[in-house]
Amino acid sequence: MWTLLRAALNLAHNEGHVDSNSAWRRVKPFRGVDRARVRYLSVAEATRLANATDGQFRPMVQAALLTGARYGQLCRLRVRDFNRDSGTVDMSTRKGDGSVRSYAVHLTREGIDFFTRICAGRGGNTLMFSRPDGSAWLKSNQNDFMAKASQRAGIKPAINYHALRHTYASHTVMNGAPLLVLAHNLGQTSTNIVEQHYGHLSPSYKASVIRDKAPVFGFKKDQKVTAPH
């Protein structure tokens, strides 16, 4: 937020709307504010949450966990966006300049089976996920469902919908997926966002990777150990 505000102030100064930029130049960087704060669920917690979600909204939770997609993206999906042959779902994301960029999310076998069931026997232009009356899910509809599901599943504090994206990404990384592959599957053009926001790893995972991948020198045990000079 400070970066955006400072950019606006600098622009105002450069265009002559402000006489001096000394006031905000004295502000020191805030320690640690750019550190990503990501909360994700364990696989067991995610399964428990999905099972505890109201039946009409449960497919939306399962879809997020299987794709890492955002709520708005899933709300816009049509049945035609799923390609069983390639095992992909076509997603779209709106950029800051108003343009729309499309990309394909590659699915696991579980994901292919899930979307096959969701789309079976339905017209291609039909909303893939909809409310019981067939209308689209709207902005913020997810909040109440997530709060109640978290309570039923014993997840405290309650998890929000975007954390399902974090859950998908974090476990994909911990299962060994290259960051660039994951970035493309999340609709990112580089690994920067993945590294900053979705690359958080559990301590036990990092320990196991180091033990498995760090070099082994095979030093012989020496009964006489001397202190280095």
C-alpha atoms as a PDB file:
ATOM      1  CA  MET A   1       0.000   0.000   0.000  1.00  0.00           C
ATOM      2  CA  TRP A   2       2.850   2.349   0.810  1.00  0.00           C
ATOM      3  CA  THR A   3       4.518   1.606  -2.525  1.00  0.00           C
ATOM      4  CA  LEU A   4       1.338   2.555  -4.400  1.00  0.00           C
ATOM      5  CA  LEU A   5       0.821   5.707  -2.328  1.00  0.00           C
ATOM      6  CA  ARG A   6       4.431   6.804  -2.780  1.00  0.00           C
ATOM      7  CA  ALA A   7       4.150   6.286  -6.550  1.00  0.00           C
ATOM      8  CA  ALA A   8       1.048   8.502  -6.622  1.00  0.00           C
ATOM      9  CA  LEU A   9       2.774  11.194  -4.547  1.00  0.00           C
ATOM     10  CA  ASN A  10       5.866  11.094  -6.756  1.00  0.00           C
ATOM     11  CA  LEU A  11       3.695  11.470  -9.837  1.00  0.00           C
ATOM     12  CA  ALA A  12       1.950  14.474  -8.283  1.00  0.00           C
ATOM     13  CA  HIS A  13       5.331  16.053  -7.487  1.00  0.00           C
ATOM     14  CA  ASN A  14       6.760  15.340 -10.946  1.00  0.00           C
ATOM     15  CA  GLU A  15       3.752  16.971 -12.605  1.00  0.00           C
ATOM     16  CA  GLY A  16       4.004  20.075 -10.430  1.00  0.00           C
ATOM     17  CA  HIS A  17       0.933  19.538  -8.264  1.00  0.00           C
ATOM     18  CA  VAL A  18       3.042  19.358  -5.080  1.00  0.00           C
ATOM     19  CA  ASP A  19       5.883  21.762  -4.309  1.00  0.00           C
ATOM     20  CA  SER A  20       8.060  19.387  -2.279  1.00  0.00           C
ATOM     21  CA  ASN A  21       8.525  15.621  -1.936  1.00  0.00           C
ATOM     22  CA  SER A  22      10.552  15.855   1.281  1.00  0.00           C
ATOM     23  CA  ALA A  23       7.682  14.736   3.541  1.00  0.00           C
ATOM     24  CA  TRP A  24       7.391  11.220   2.179  1.00  0.00           C
ATOM     25  CA  ARG A  25      11.065  10.847   1.295  1.00  0.00           C
ATOM     26  CA  ARG A  26      11.775  10.795   5.029  1.00  0.00           C
ATOM     27  CA  VAL A  27       9.549   7.738   5.573  1.00  0.00           C
ATOM     28  CA  LYS A  28      11.691   4.661   6.198  1.00  0.00           C
ATOM     29  CA  PRO A  29      10.766   1.247   4.718  1.00  0.00           C
ATOM     30  CA  PHE A  30       8.624  -0.778   7.091  1.00  0.00           C
ATOM     31  CA  ARG A  31      10.425  -3.901   8.209  1.00  0.00           C
ATOM     32  CA  GLY A  32       8.905  -7.205   7.104  1.00  0.00           C
ATOM     33  CA  VAL A  33       5.755  -5.837   5.438  1.00  0.00           C
ATOM     34  CA  ASP A  34       6.621  -7.382   2.075  1.00  0.00           C
ATOM     35  CA  ARG A  35       6.949 -10.834   3.588  1.00  0.00           C
ATOM     36  CA  ALA A  36       4.223 -13.095   2.258  1.00  0.00           C
ATOM     37  CA  ARG A  37       1.731 -14.217   4.874  1.00  0.00           C
ATOM     38  CA  VAL A  38       0.113 -17.334   3.518  1.00  0.00           C
ATOM     39  CA  ARG A  39      -2.099 -19.767   5.339  1.00  0.00           C
ATOM     40  CA  TYR A  40      -2.799 -23.149   3.790  1.00  0.00           C
ATOM     41  CA  LEU A  41      -4.537 -26.297   4.931  1.00  0.00           C
ATOM     42  CA  SER A  42      -3.085 -29.742   5.339  1.00  0.00           C
ATOM     43  CA  VAL A  43      -4.531 -32.372   3.007  1.00  0.00           C
ATOM     44  CA  ALA A  44      -6.518 -33.814   5.919  1.00  0.00           C
ATOM     45  CA  GLU A  45      -7.894 -30.370   6.827  1.00  0.00           C
ATOM     46  CA  ALA A  46      -8.813 -29.642   3.214  1.00  0.00           C
ATOM     47  CA  THR A  47     -10.691 -32.930   2.918  1.00  0.00           C
ATOM     48  CA  ARG A  48     -12.465 -32.273   6.199  1.00  0.00           C
ATOM     49  CA  LEU A  49     -13.422 -28.772   5.069  1.00  0.00           C
ATOM     50  CA  ALA A  50     -14.817 -29.993   1.749  1.00  0.00           C
ATOM     51  CA  ASN A  51     -16.862 -32.685   3.498  1.00  0.00           C
ATOM     52  CA  ALA A  52     -18.210 -30.091   5.944  1.00  0.00           C
ATOM     53  CA  THR A  53     -19.259 -27.632   3.230  1.00  0.00           C
ATOM     54  CA  ASP A  54     -22.937 -27.259   2.395  1.00  0.00           C
ATOM     55  CA  GLY A  55     -23.780 -29.618  -0.481  1.00  0.00           C
ATOM     56  CA  GLN A  56     -24.795 -26.874  -2.918  1.00  0.00           C
ATOM     57  CA  PHE A  57     -21.430 -25.109  -2.513  1.00  0.00           C
ATOM     58  CA  ARG A  58     -19.187 -28.147  -2.007  1.00  0.00           C
ATOM     59  CA  PRO A  59     -18.284 -28.488  -5.726  1.00  0.00           C
ATOM     60  CA  MET A  60     -16.903 -24.947  -5.668  1.00  0.00           C
ATOM     61  CA  VAL A  61     -14.607 -25.832  -2.763  1.00  0.00           C
ATOM     62  CA  GLN A  62     -13.498 -29.067  -4.410  1.00  0.00           C
ATOM     63  CA  ALA A  63     -12.856 -27.313  -7.731  1.00  0.00           C
ATOM     64  CA  ALA A  64     -10.653 -24.697  -6.055  1.00  0.00           C
ATOM     65  CA  LEU A  65      -8.619 -27.378  -4.288  1.00  0.00           C
ATOM     66  CA  LEU A  66      -8.187 -29.308  -7.554  1.00  0.00           C
ATOM     67  CA  THR A  67      -7.206 -26.338  -9.738  1.00  0.00           C
ATOM     68  CA  GLY A  68      -5.938 -23.497  -7.561  1.00  0.00           C
ATOM     69  CA  ALA A  69      -8.363 -21.229  -9.419  1.00  0.00           C
ATOM     70  CA  ARG A  70      -9.827 -18.069  -7.945  1.00  0.00           C
ATOM     71  CA  TYR A  71     -13.474 -17.798  -6.933  1.00  0.00           C
ATOM     72  CA  GLY A  72     -14.394 -15.430  -9.767  1.00  0.00           C
ATOM     73  CA  GLN A  73     -12.775 -17.668 -12.377  1.00  0.00           C
ATOM     74  CA  LEU A  74     -14.751 -20.703 -11.264  1.00  0.00           C
ATOM     75  CA  CYS A  75     -17.987 -18.693 -11.194  1.00  0.00           C
ATOM     76  CA  ARG A  76     -17.519 -17.857 -14.901  1.00  0.00           C
ATOM     77  CA  LEU A  77     -16.708 -21.363 -16.115  1.00  0.00           C
ATOM     78  CA  ARG A  78     -18.915 -23.016 -18.730  1.00  0.00           C
ATOM     79  CA  VAL A  79     -19.167 -26.734 -19.369  1.00  0.00           C
ATOM     80  CA  ARG A  80     -17.358 -26.265 -22.699  1.00  0.00           C
ATOM     81  CA  ASP A  81     -14.271 -25.036 -20.831  1.00  0.00           C
ATOM     82  CA  PHE A  82     -13.452 -28.571 -19.694  1.00  0.00           C
ATOM     83  CA  ASN A  83     -11.536 -30.737 -22.183  1.00  0.00           C
ATOM     84  CA  ARG A  84     -11.476 -34.329 -21.013  1.00  0.00           C
ATOM     85  CA  ASP A  85      -9.149 -35.475 -23.808  1.00  0.00           C
ATOM     86  CA  SER A  86      -6.389 -33.069 -22.788  1.00  0.00           C
ATOM     87  CA  GLY A  87      -7.287 -33.151 -19.104  1.00  0.00           C
ATOM     88  CA  THR A  88      -7.502 -29.373 -18.895  1.00  0.00           C
ATOM     89  CA  VAL A  89      -9.870 -26.575 -17.910  1.00  0.00           C
ATOM     90  CA  ASP A  90      -9.663 -23.283 -19.799  1.00  0.00           C
ATOM     91  CA  MET A  91      -9.533 -20.361 -17.371  1.00  0.00           C
ATOM     92  CA  SER A  92      -9.564 -16.623 -17.926  1.00  0.00           C
ATOM     93  CA  THR A  93      -8.121 -13.884 -15.782  1.00  0.00           C
ATOM     94  CA  ARG A  94      -8.773 -10.161 -15.979  1.00  0.00           C
ATOM     95  CA  LYS A  95      -5.676  -7.967 -15.966  1.00  0.00           C
ATOM     96  CA  GLY A  96      -5.354  -4.529 -14.425  1.00  0.00           C
ATOM     97  CA  ASP A  97      -5.669  -2.826 -17.825  1.00  0.00           C
ATOM     98  CA  GLY A  98      -9.042  -4.467 -18.441  1.00  0.00           C
ATOM     99  CA  SER A  99      -7.771  -7.096 -20.857  1.00  0.00           C
ATOM    100  CA  VAL A 100      -8.573 -10.786 -20.456  1.00  0.00           C
ATOM    101  CA  ARG A 101      -5.934 -13.501 -20.686  1.00  0.00           C
ATOM    102  CA  SER A 102      -6.774 -17.186 -21.095  1.00  0.00           C
ATOM    103  CA  TYR A 103      -4.742 -20.178 -19.983  1.00  0.00           C
ATOM    104  CA  ALA A 104      -5.214 -23.907 -19.452  1.00  0.00           C
ATOM    105  CA  VAL A 105      -5.133 -25.583 -16.050  1.00  0.00           C
ATOM    106  CA  HIS A 106      -3.799 -29.121 -16.272  1.00  0.00           C
ATOM    107  CA  LEU A 107      -5.620 -31.520 -13.971  1.00  0.00           C
ATOM    108  CA  THR A 108      -4.648 -34.538 -11.929  1.00  0.00           C
ATOM    109  CA  ARG A 109      -6.482 -37.812 -12.517  1.00  0.00           C
ATOM    110  CA  GLU A 110      -8.693 -36.937  -9.552  1.00  0.00           C
ATOM    111  CA  GLY A 111      -9.381 -33.557 -11.132  1.00  0.00           C
ATOM    112  CA  ILE A 112     -10.298 -35.085 -14.501  1.00  0.00           C
ATOM    113  CA  ASP A 113     -12.714 -37.484 -12.815  1.00  0.00           C
ATOM    114  CA  PHE A 114     -14.268 -34.632 -10.822  1.00  0.00           C
ATOM    115  CA  PHE A 115     -14.867 -32.364 -13.821  1.00  0.00           C
ATOM    116  CA  THR A 116     -16.116 -35.292 -15.897  1.00  0.00           C
ATOM    117  CA  ARG A 117     -18.828 -35.912 -13.304  1.00  0.00           C
ATOM    118  CA  ILE A 118     -19.684 -32.220 -13.044  1.00  0.00           C
ATOM    119  CA  CYS A 119     -20.051 -31.782 -16.812  1.00  0.00           C
ATOM    120  CA  ALA A 120     -21.642 -35.112 -17.772  1.00  0.00           C
ATOM    121  CA  GLY A 121     -24.769 -34.766 -19.918  1.00  0.00           C
ATOM    122  CA  ARG A 122     -24.868 -30.950 -19.784  1.00  0.00           C
ATOM    123  CA  GLY A 123     -24.867 -28.400 -22.602  1.00  0.00           C
ATOM    124  CA  GLY A 124     -21.588 -26.694 -23.415  1.00  0.00           C
ATOM    125  CA  ASN A 125     -22.870 -23.188 -22.730  1.00  0.00           C
ATOM    126  CA  THR A 126     -24.252 -24.111 -19.296  1.00  0.00           C
ATOM    127  CA  LEU A 127     -22.596 -22.669 -16.215  1.00  0.00           C
ATOM    128  CA  MET A 128     -20.324 -25.324 -14.802  1.00  0.00           C
ATOM    129  CA  PHE A 129     -21.045 -24.272 -11.207  1.00  0.00           C
ATOM    130  CA  SER A 130     -24.294 -22.609 -10.267  1.00  0.00           C
ATOM    131  CA  ARG A 131     -26.695 -22.046  -7.423  1.00  0.00           C
ATOM    132  CA  PRO A 132     -29.618 -24.449  -6.954  1.00  0.00           C
ATOM    133  CA  ASP A 133     -31.851 -22.269  -9.135  1.00  0.00           C
ATOM    134  CA  GLY A 134     -29.318 -22.345 -11.971  1.00  0.00           C
ATOM    135  CA  SER A 135     -28.112 -18.759 -11.519  1.00  0.00           C
ATOM    136  CA  ALA A 136     -24.485 -17.790 -11.181  1.00  0.00           C
ATOM    137  CA  TRP A 137     -22.689 -17.534  -7.888  1.00  0.00           C
ATOM    138  CA  LEU A 138     -22.178 -13.876  -7.050  1.00  0.00           C
ATOM    139  CA  LYS A 139     -19.397 -11.912  -5.413  1.00  0.00           C
ATOM    140  CA  SER A 140     -19.129 -12.643  -1.673  1.00  0.00           C
ATOM    141  CA  ASN A 141     -21.578 -15.586  -1.814  1.00  0.00           C
ATOM    142  CA  GLN A 142     -18.668 -17.758  -0.707  1.00  0.00           C
ATOM    143  CA  ASN A 143     -18.021 -16.039   2.610  1.00  0.00           C
ATOM    144  CA  ASP A 144     -20.890 -17.487   4.630  1.00  0.00           C
ATOM    145  CA  PHE A 145     -20.355 -21.003   3.256  1.00  0.00           C
ATOM    146  CA  MET A 146     -16.651 -20.895   4.137  1.00  0.00           C
ATOM    147  CA  ALA A 147     -17.293 -19.621   7.653  1.00  0.00           C
ATOM    148  CA  LYS A 148     -19.849 -22.330   8.398  1.00  0.00           C
ATOM    149  CA  ALA A 149     -17.740 -25.093   6.848  1.00  0.00           C
ATOM    150  CA  SER A 150     -14.704 -24.001   8.871  1.00  0.00           C
ATOM    151  CA  GLN A 151     -16.765 -24.127  12.051  1.00  0.00           C
ATOM    152  CA  ARG A 152     -18.104 -27.600  11.288  1.00  0.00           C
ATOM    153  CA  ALA A 153     -14.632 -28.853  10.330  1.00  0.00           C
ATOM    154  CA  GLY A 154     -13.018 -27.421  13.462  1.00  0.00           C
ATOM    155  CA  ILE A 155     -10.696 -25.109  11.513  1.00  0.00           C
ATOM    156  CA  LYS A 156      -9.839 -22.059  13.624  1.00  0.00           C
ATOM    157  CA  PRO A 157      -9.643 -19.277  12.730  1.00  0.00           C
ATOM    158  CA  ALA A 158     -12.008 -19.785   9.810  1.00  0.00           C
ATOM    159  CA  ILE A 159     -10.320 -20.129   6.432  1.00  0.00           C
ATOM    160  CA  ASN A 160     -11.294 -17.922   3.517  1.00  0.00           C
ATOM    161  CA  TYR A 161     -11.864 -19.061  -0.052  1.00  0.00           C
ATOM    162  CA  HIS A 162      -8.580 -17.703  -1.415  1.00  0.00           C
ATOM    163  CA  ALA A 163      -6.706 -19.941   1.029  1.00  0.00           C
ATOM    164  CA  LEU A 164      -7.849 -22.884  -1.105  1.00  0.00           C
ATOM    165  CA  ARG A 165      -5.619 -21.497  -3.875  1.00  0.00           C
ATOM    166  CA  HIS A 166      -2.754 -21.269  -1.394  1.00  0.00           C
ATOM    167  CA  THR A 167      -3.446 -24.855  -0.316  1.00  0.00           C
ATOM    168  CA  TYR A 168      -3.314 -26.174  -3.888  1.00  0.00           C
ATOM    169  CA  ALA A 169      -0.133 -24.254  -4.705  1.00  0.00           C
ATOM    170  CA  SER A 170       1.731 -25.036  -1.487  1.00  0.00           C
ATOM    171  CA  HIS A 171       1.130 -28.773  -1.693  1.00  0.00           C
ATOM    172  CA  THR A 172       1.993 -28.827  -5.393  1.00  0.00           C
ATOM    173  CA  VAL A 173       5.349 -27.256  -4.562  1.00  0.00           C
ATOM    174  CA  MET A 174       5.905 -29.629  -1.643  1.00  0.00           C
ATOM    175  CA  ASN A 175       5.188 -32.554  -3.950  1.00  0.00           C
ATOM    176  CA  GLY A 176       8.122 -31.474  -6.105  1.00  0.00           C
ATOM    177  CA  ALA A 177       6.543 -29.494  -8.967  1.00  0.00           C
ATOM    178  CA  PRO A 178       8.888 -26.967 -10.610  1.00  0.00           C
ATOM    179  CA  LEU A 179       7.890 -23.406  -9.790  1.00  0.00           C
ATOM    180  CA  LEU A 180       7.548 -22.418 -13.455  1.00  0.00           C
ATOM    181  CA  VAL A 181       5.125 -25.272 -14.150  1.00  0.00           C
ATOM    182  CA  LEU A 182       3.040 -24.321 -11.133  1.00  0.00           C
ATOM    183  CA  ALA A 183       3.130 -20.639 -12.113  1.00  0.00           C
ATOM    184  CA  HIS A 184       1.721 -21.400 -15.563  1.00  0.00           C
ATOM    185  CA  ASN A 185      -0.976 -23.628 -14.069  1.00  0.00           C
ATOM    186  CA  LEU A 186      -1.992 -20.728 -11.807  1.00  0.00           C
ATOM    187  CA  GLY A 187      -2.111 -18.321 -14.734  1.00  0.00           C
ATOM    188  CA  GLN A 188       1.112 -16.485 -13.834  1.00  0.00           C
ATOM    189  CA  THR A 189       3.623 -15.531 -16.509  1.00  0.00           C
ATOM    190  CA  SER A 190       6.659 -15.852 -14.213  1.00  0.00           C
ATOM    191  CA  THR A 191       7.647 -17.508 -10.948  1.00  0.00           C
ATOM    192  CA  ASN A 192       7.850 -14.217  -9.001  1.00  0.00           C
ATOM    193  CA  ILE A 193       4.351 -14.391  -7.512  1.00  0.00           C
ATOM    194  CA  VAL A 194       4.666 -18.120  -6.839  1.00  0.00           C
ATOM    195  CA  GLU A 195       7.941 -17.642  -4.992  1.00  0.00           C
ATOM    196  CA  GLN A 196       6.596 -14.757  -2.947  1.00  0.00           C
ATOM    197  CA  HIS A 197       3.100 -16.008  -2.159  1.00  0.00           C
ATOM    198  CA  TYR A 198       2.684 -19.699  -2.988  1.00  0.00           C
ATOM    199  CA  GLY A 199       6.104 -21.209  -2.331  1.00  0.00           C
ATOM    200  CA  HIS A 200       5.797 -21.563   1.430  1.00  0.00           C
ATOM    201  CA  LEU A 201       7.009 -24.943   2.508  1.00  0.00           C
ATOM    202  CA  SER A 202       6.542 -26.857   5.739  1.00  0.00           C
ATOM    203  CA  PRO A 203       9.664 -27.205   7.911  1.00  0.00           C
ATOM    204  CA  SER A 204       9.512 -30.999   7.690  1.00  0.00           C
ATOM    205  CA  TYR A 205       9.448 -30.813   3.882  1.00  0.00           C
ATOM    206  CA  LYS A 206      12.473 -28.529   3.749  1.00  0.00           C
ATOM    207  CA  ALA A 207      14.363 -30.799   6.131  1.00  0.00           C
ATOM    208  CA  SER A 208      13.607 -33.905   4.056  1.00  0.00           C
ATOM    209  CA  VAL A 209      14.664 -32.194   0.810  1.00  0.00           C
ATOM    210  CA  ILE A 210      17.983 -31.080   2.266  1.00  0.00           C
ATOM    211  CA  ARG A 211      18.691 -34.531   3.672  1.00  0.00           C
ATOM    212  CA  ASP A 212      17.890 -36.056   0.286  1.00  0.00           C
ATOM    213  CA  LYS A 213      19.507 -33.504  -2.044  1.00  0.00           C
ATOM    214  CA  ALA A 214      22.452 -31.925  -0.198  1.00  0.00           C
ATOM    215  CA  PRO A 215      25.866 -33.408  -1.044  1.00  0.00           C
ATOM    216  CA  VAL A 216      27.260 -36.397   0.870  1.00  0.00           C
ATOM    217  CA  PHE A 217      31.071 -36.483   1.113  1.00  0.00           C
ATOM    218  CA  GLY A 218      31.616 -39.843   2.752  1.00  0.00           C
ATOM    219  CA  PHE A 219      34.134 -38.581   5.269  1.00  0.00           C
ATOM    220  CA  LYS A 220      35.748 -41.323   7.286  1.00  0.00           C
ATOM    221  CA  LYS A 221      35.312 -41.152  11.005  1.00  0.00           C
ATOM    222  CA  ASP A 222      38.500 -40.143  12.747  1.00  0.00           C
ATOM    223  CA  GLN A 223      39.031 -41.065  16.359  1.00  0.00           C
ATOM    224  CA  LYS A 224      41.395 -38.128  16.744  1.00  0.00           C
ATOM    225  CA  VAL A 225      39.610 -34.850  16.138  1.00  0.00           C
ATOM    226  CA  THR A 226      41.592 -31.661  16.538  1.00  0.00           C
ATOM    227  CA  ALA A 227      40.311 -28.138  16.787  1.00  0.00           C
ATOM    228  CA  PRO A 228      40.869 -26.020  13.639  1.00  0.00           C
ATOM    229  CA  HIS A 229      43.607 -23.388  13.836  1.00  0.00           C
END
